[in-house]
Amino acid sequence: MSRNILSICAGLSLLCTTLVAQPKADGPTYKTGFSAVTHIGKELRDALKPALRTKVHSHPVALETDVRPFVKTVEYPDENEPLRLVFVSVGFIDLMNHVSHAKAIDRIQPGYFQRYLVSLADESGDFSLKELPGISDRRYWSDDILNDQQSNFNQMVGMVVAIELSHHYLGHYKKNSNTLAESDNQEPINNLLQPAEWEEALKVGVQNALDCGYGIDGLKVFYDAIAKMPKRPDWVDYFLPEHVKVAKLQKDLQKAENYYFAQ
């Protein structure tokens, strides 16, 4: 089972440049795709304390070819130890690329980010996410803009995957495994957690990502995007419980980073 999962993931990694939305086949493309996500996932796992590291797979991120944006905690039986993974969708990678790029573009075109969020709020997840508005504009692909986009992407993915990964070693997945199995793992685990459990996942996930050098700015951009969408698509539940107040969350994230660097 273990080798089968890894071989499938390796094949998907090679195919991902065609699966993930790119603006134009003959135009500039993102450097931030599934291979970047898997690299970040391995970094996060390797940064954990040894006792926690053994509770997740050595290559903890796998790809699901679904256009709906999501990140999921999953577990598969194996001969000795269950394979504990985080699955990300093709839609997740598109979402991270689009939000990170729209925020970078907003630096040279104020208001672009908010206009994009109005469009993003209408995305049901039934189809691939639409391209960013006017994305063929060469100004949007300058080195400075792409550097900002890549930084935003890495920080967003690092934090989001770290939080999701924590559900394995905190026992949240095991506690809710029967309910998740009943939904064929379609139910966001965030909908099953108590508020204190989600706060615990946030705390240790942020710590894990900071240990790998991923700051909170990208995650703040992502949560800001969720807060500023005029309506909340259902797939947002995979990333943020509905009860969480983003304004307070942003302050808590800043406090966590300040405390981390003050130690």
Protein backbone atom coordinates (compact mmCIF):
# COMPACT_ATOMS: atom_id res chain seq x y z
CA MET A 1 0.00 0.00 0.00
CA SER A 2 2.77 2.43 0.97
CA ARG A 3 4.68 2.02 -2.27
CA ASN A 4 1.48 2.23 -4.31
CA ILE A 5 0.51 5.54 -2.68
CA LEU A 6 3.99 6.98 -3.25
CA SER A 7 4.16 5.84 -6.86
CA ILE A 8 0.78 7.39 -7.57
CA CYS A 9 1.90 10.64 -5.93
CA ALA A 10 5.10 10.67 -7.97
CA GLY A 11 3.13 10.26 -11.18
CA LEU A 12 0.74 13.00 -10.21
CA SER A 13 3.65 15.28 -9.43
CA LEU A 14 4.89 14.91 -13.00
CA LEU A 15 1.42 15.59 -14.39
CA CYS A 16 0.62 18.51 -12.14
CA THR A 17 1.78 21.25 -14.49
CA THR A 18 -1.03 20.19 -16.83
CA LEU A 19 -3.60 19.65 -14.07
CA VAL A 20 -3.06 22.96 -12.33
CA ALA A 21 -4.43 25.98 -14.10
CA GLN A 22 -1.82 28.08 -15.85
CA PRO A 23 -2.72 31.35 -17.58
CA LYS A 24 -1.59 30.53 -21.12
CA ALA A 25 0.25 27.57 -22.58
CA ASP A 26 2.63 29.87 -24.45
CA GLY A 27 2.85 32.55 -21.74
CA PRO A 28 4.47 32.85 -18.32
CA THR A 29 3.64 30.17 -15.76
CA TYR A 30 3.79 29.73 -12.01
CA LYS A 31 6.80 28.11 -10.37
CA THR A 32 4.59 27.29 -7.40
CA GLY A 33 2.84 23.97 -8.01
CA PHE A 34 2.43 20.53 -6.47
CA SER A 35 6.19 19.88 -6.26
CA ALA A 36 6.54 23.05 -4.16
CA VAL A 37 3.70 21.90 -1.90
CA THR A 38 5.24 18.44 -1.38
CA HIS A 39 8.59 20.03 -0.56
CA ILE A 40 6.94 22.28 2.02
CA GLY A 41 5.08 19.30 3.50
CA LYS A 42 8.29 17.32 3.95
CA GLU A 43 9.98 20.31 5.58
CA LEU A 44 7.09 20.63 8.04
CA ARG A 45 7.20 16.94 8.92
CA ASP A 46 10.99 16.92 9.35
CA ALA A 47 10.81 19.95 11.70
CA LEU A 48 8.52 18.16 14.15
CA LYS A 49 9.87 16.64 17.36
CA PRO A 50 10.76 12.94 16.88
CA ALA A 51 7.76 11.68 18.86
CA LEU A 52 5.38 13.64 16.61
CA ARG A 53 7.30 12.96 13.41
CA THR A 54 6.55 9.25 13.64
CA LYS A 55 2.82 9.97 13.61
CA VAL A 56 2.83 11.26 10.01
CA HIS A 57 4.17 9.84 6.76
CA SER A 58 7.70 10.79 5.71
CA HIS A 59 6.21 12.38 2.56
CA PRO A 60 3.00 13.68 4.10
CA VAL A 61 1.37 15.58 1.21
CA ALA A 62 -0.49 13.86 -1.64
CA LEU A 63 -2.54 15.23 -4.51
CA GLU A 64 -6.19 14.61 -5.33
CA THR A 65 -7.25 15.51 -8.87
CA ASP A 66 -10.32 17.48 -7.84
CA VAL A 67 -10.99 21.07 -8.96
CA ARG A 68 -12.74 21.89 -5.66
CA PRO A 69 -10.31 23.74 -3.36
CA PHE A 70 -9.61 21.68 -0.25
CA VAL A 71 -7.03 20.33 2.16
CA LYS A 72 -7.89 17.09 3.99
CA THR A 73 -6.44 14.94 6.73
CA VAL A 74 -6.54 11.30 5.57
CA GLU A 75 -5.34 7.93 6.82
CA TYR A 76 -4.84 4.62 5.02
CA PRO A 77 -4.12 1.22 6.62
CA ASP A 78 -0.68 -0.26 6.02
CA GLU A 79 1.25 -3.32 7.19
CA ASN A 80 2.93 -1.77 10.23
CA GLU A 81 1.67 1.76 10.74
CA PRO A 82 -1.21 3.65 9.11
CA LEU A 83 -0.25 6.08 6.36
CA ARG A 84 -1.17 9.48 7.78
CA LEU A 85 -1.28 12.09 5.04
CA VAL A 86 -2.64 15.46 4.04
CA PHE A 87 -4.39 15.51 0.68
CA VAL A 88 -4.52 18.74 -1.31
CA SER A 89 -6.60 19.19 -4.44
CA VAL A 90 -5.70 20.69 -7.78
CA GLY A 91 -8.21 23.37 -6.84
CA PHE A 92 -6.25 24.08 -3.67
CA ILE A 93 -3.08 24.77 -5.65
CA ASP A 94 -4.99 27.03 -8.03
CA LEU A 95 -6.52 28.87 -5.08
CA MET A 96 -3.14 29.43 -3.43
CA ASN A 97 -1.63 30.66 -6.69
CA HIS A 98 -4.53 32.97 -7.50
CA VAL A 99 -4.87 34.56 -4.05
CA SER A 100 -1.11 35.02 -3.70
CA HIS A 101 -0.83 36.53 -7.19
CA ALA A 102 -3.86 38.81 -6.80
CA LYS A 103 -2.38 40.20 -3.58
CA ALA A 104 0.94 40.83 -5.30
CA ILE A 105 -0.74 42.57 -8.24
CA ASP A 106 -2.65 44.79 -5.82
CA ARG A 107 0.65 46.47 -4.98
CA ILE A 108 0.83 48.03 -8.46
CA GLN A 109 -2.93 48.17 -9.09
CA PRO A 110 -4.74 49.09 -5.87
CA GLY A 111 -8.19 47.54 -5.59
CA TYR A 112 -7.30 44.51 -7.75
CA PHE A 113 -7.33 42.12 -4.78
CA GLN A 114 -10.81 43.08 -3.65
CA ARG A 115 -12.18 42.90 -7.19
CA TYR A 116 -10.79 39.39 -7.48
CA LEU A 117 -12.40 38.36 -4.17
CA VAL A 118 -15.82 39.37 -5.51
CA SER A 119 -15.27 36.90 -8.35
CA LEU A 120 -13.81 34.23 -6.05
CA ALA A 121 -16.88 34.34 -3.80
CA ASP A 122 -18.96 33.05 -6.73
CA GLU A 123 -16.76 29.96 -7.20
CA SER A 124 -18.78 26.90 -6.14
CA GLY A 125 -15.93 24.44 -6.59
CA ASP A 126 -17.87 22.49 -9.22
CA PHE A 127 -15.58 23.79 -11.95
CA SER A 128 -11.94 24.89 -12.17
CA LEU A 129 -11.29 28.31 -10.69
CA LYS A 130 -11.42 31.09 -13.26
CA GLU A 131 -8.24 32.87 -14.29
CA LEU A 132 -7.35 36.13 -12.60
CA PRO A 133 -8.80 39.20 -14.40
CA GLY A 134 -6.53 40.51 -17.15
CA ILE A 135 -3.87 37.96 -16.26
CA SER A 136 -2.16 38.24 -19.66
CA ASP A 137 -1.01 41.77 -18.75
CA ARG A 138 2.81 41.55 -18.78
CA ARG A 139 3.07 43.91 -15.81
CA TYR A 140 1.55 41.16 -13.66
CA TRP A 141 4.45 38.83 -14.46
CA SER A 142 7.40 41.04 -13.58
CA ASP A 143 10.11 39.58 -11.36
CA ASP A 144 9.04 41.78 -8.44
CA ILE A 145 5.40 40.69 -8.67
CA LEU A 146 6.30 37.00 -9.02
CA ASN A 147 8.68 37.23 -6.05
CA ASP A 148 5.79 38.57 -3.96
CA GLN A 149 3.47 35.90 -5.36
CA GLN A 150 5.89 33.10 -4.51
CA SER A 151 6.49 34.44 -1.00
CA ASN A 152 2.74 34.69 -0.37
CA PHE A 153 2.20 31.19 -1.77
CA ASN A 154 4.91 29.53 0.31
CA GLN A 155 3.73 31.17 3.52
CA MET A 156 0.07 30.36 2.88
CA VAL A 157 0.76 26.75 1.98
CA GLY A 158 3.23 26.29 4.84
CA MET A 159 0.75 27.49 7.45
CA VAL A 160 -2.35 25.80 5.99
CA VAL A 161 -0.66 22.41 5.56
CA ALA A 162 0.98 22.62 9.01
CA ILE A 163 -2.38 23.24 10.67
CA GLU A 164 -3.97 20.34 8.77
CA LEU A 165 -1.05 18.03 9.52
CA SER A 166 -1.44 18.67 13.23
CA HIS A 167 -4.82 16.90 13.26
CA HIS A 168 -2.89 13.62 12.97
CA TYR A 169 -0.53 14.05 15.89
CA LEU A 170 -3.05 15.90 18.07
CA GLY A 171 -5.48 12.98 17.71
CA HIS A 172 -8.23 15.00 16.03
CA TYR A 173 -8.39 12.74 12.99
CA LYS A 174 -8.52 9.55 15.07
CA LYS A 175 -11.28 10.99 17.25
CA ASN A 176 -13.43 11.86 14.21
CA SER A 177 -12.36 9.07 11.85
CA ASN A 178 -15.70 7.24 11.90
CA THR A 179 -17.68 10.36 11.04
CA LEU A 180 -15.20 11.30 8.31
CA ALA A 181 -15.40 7.77 6.87
CA GLU A 182 -19.19 7.98 6.75
CA SER A 183 -18.88 11.03 4.51
CA ASP A 184 -16.18 9.35 2.38
CA ASN A 185 -13.83 11.96 3.82
CA GLN A 186 -15.79 14.78 2.17
CA GLU A 187 -16.76 16.45 5.44
CA PRO A 188 -14.22 19.14 6.45
CA ILE A 189 -12.67 18.13 9.76
CA ASN A 190 -13.06 21.76 10.85
CA ASN A 191 -16.82 21.16 11.04
CA LEU A 192 -16.27 18.41 13.63
CA LEU A 193 -13.76 20.12 15.91
CA GLN A 194 -14.53 21.90 19.14
CA PRO A 195 -13.34 25.55 19.15
CA ALA A 196 -10.56 24.69 21.60
CA GLU A 197 -9.37 21.86 19.34
CA TRP A 198 -9.13 24.13 16.32
CA GLU A 199 -7.27 26.75 18.35
CA GLU A 200 -4.84 24.05 19.46
CA ALA A 201 -4.26 23.00 15.83
CA LEU A 202 -3.72 26.62 14.85
CA LYS A 203 -1.22 27.15 17.67
CA VAL A 204 0.96 24.12 16.99
CA GLY A 205 0.62 24.45 13.21
CA VAL A 206 1.82 28.05 13.28
CA GLN A 207 4.72 27.00 15.52
CA ASN A 208 5.66 24.21 13.09
CA ALA A 209 5.55 26.55 10.07
CA LEU A 210 7.55 29.24 11.87
CA ASP A 211 10.18 26.62 12.71
CA CYS A 212 10.55 26.10 8.95
CA GLY A 213 10.90 29.81 8.24
CA TYR A 214 7.38 30.43 6.94
CA GLY A 215 6.03 33.68 8.35
CA ILE A 216 2.43 34.57 9.08
CA ASP A 217 1.99 37.28 6.43
CA GLY A 218 0.78 34.86 3.76
CA LEU A 219 -1.74 33.23 6.09
CA LYS A 220 -3.01 36.67 7.10
CA VAL A 221 -3.52 37.45 3.40
CA PHE A 222 -5.49 34.23 2.98
CA TYR A 223 -7.69 34.78 6.02
CA ASP A 224 -8.19 38.39 4.96
CA ALA A 225 -9.37 37.10 1.57
CA ILE A 226 -11.92 34.85 3.29
CA ALA A 227 -13.17 37.70 5.46
CA LYS A 228 -13.51 40.11 2.54
CA MET A 229 -15.41 37.84 0.16
CA PRO A 230 -18.99 39.17 -0.08
CA LYS A 231 -20.27 35.62 0.50
CA ARG A 232 -18.64 32.47 1.83
CA PRO A 233 -18.43 29.46 -0.52
CA ASP A 234 -18.89 26.05 1.15
CA TRP A 235 -15.29 25.00 0.41
CA VAL A 236 -13.99 27.67 2.79
CA ASP A 237 -14.90 25.30 5.66
CA TYR A 238 -11.86 23.19 4.73
CA PHE A 239 -9.64 26.14 5.68
CA LEU A 240 -11.43 28.04 8.43
CA PRO A 241 -14.29 27.11 10.77
CA GLU A 242 -17.30 29.37 10.32
CA HIS A 243 -17.35 30.45 13.96
CA VAL A 244 -13.84 31.97 13.85
CA LYS A 245 -13.67 35.77 13.81
CA VAL A 246 -10.95 36.77 11.37
CA ALA A 247 -10.20 40.15 12.99
CA LYS A 248 -9.34 38.45 16.30
CA LEU A 249 -7.51 35.68 14.50
CA GLN A 250 -5.24 38.16 12.73
CA LYS A 251 -4.29 39.71 16.07
CA ASP A 252 -3.64 36.27 17.57
CA LEU A 253 -1.38 35.35 14.65
CA GLN A 254 0.67 38.52 15.10
CA LYS A 255 1.01 37.86 18.83
CA ALA A 256 2.14 34.30 18.11
CA GLU A 257 4.82 35.45 15.69
CA ASN A 258 6.00 38.22 18.03
CA TYR A 259 6.26 35.73 20.89
CA TYR A 260 8.12 33.23 18.69
CA PHE A 261 10.83 35.70 17.74
CA ALA A 262 11.06 37.15 21.25
CA GLN A 263 12.14 33.79 22.69
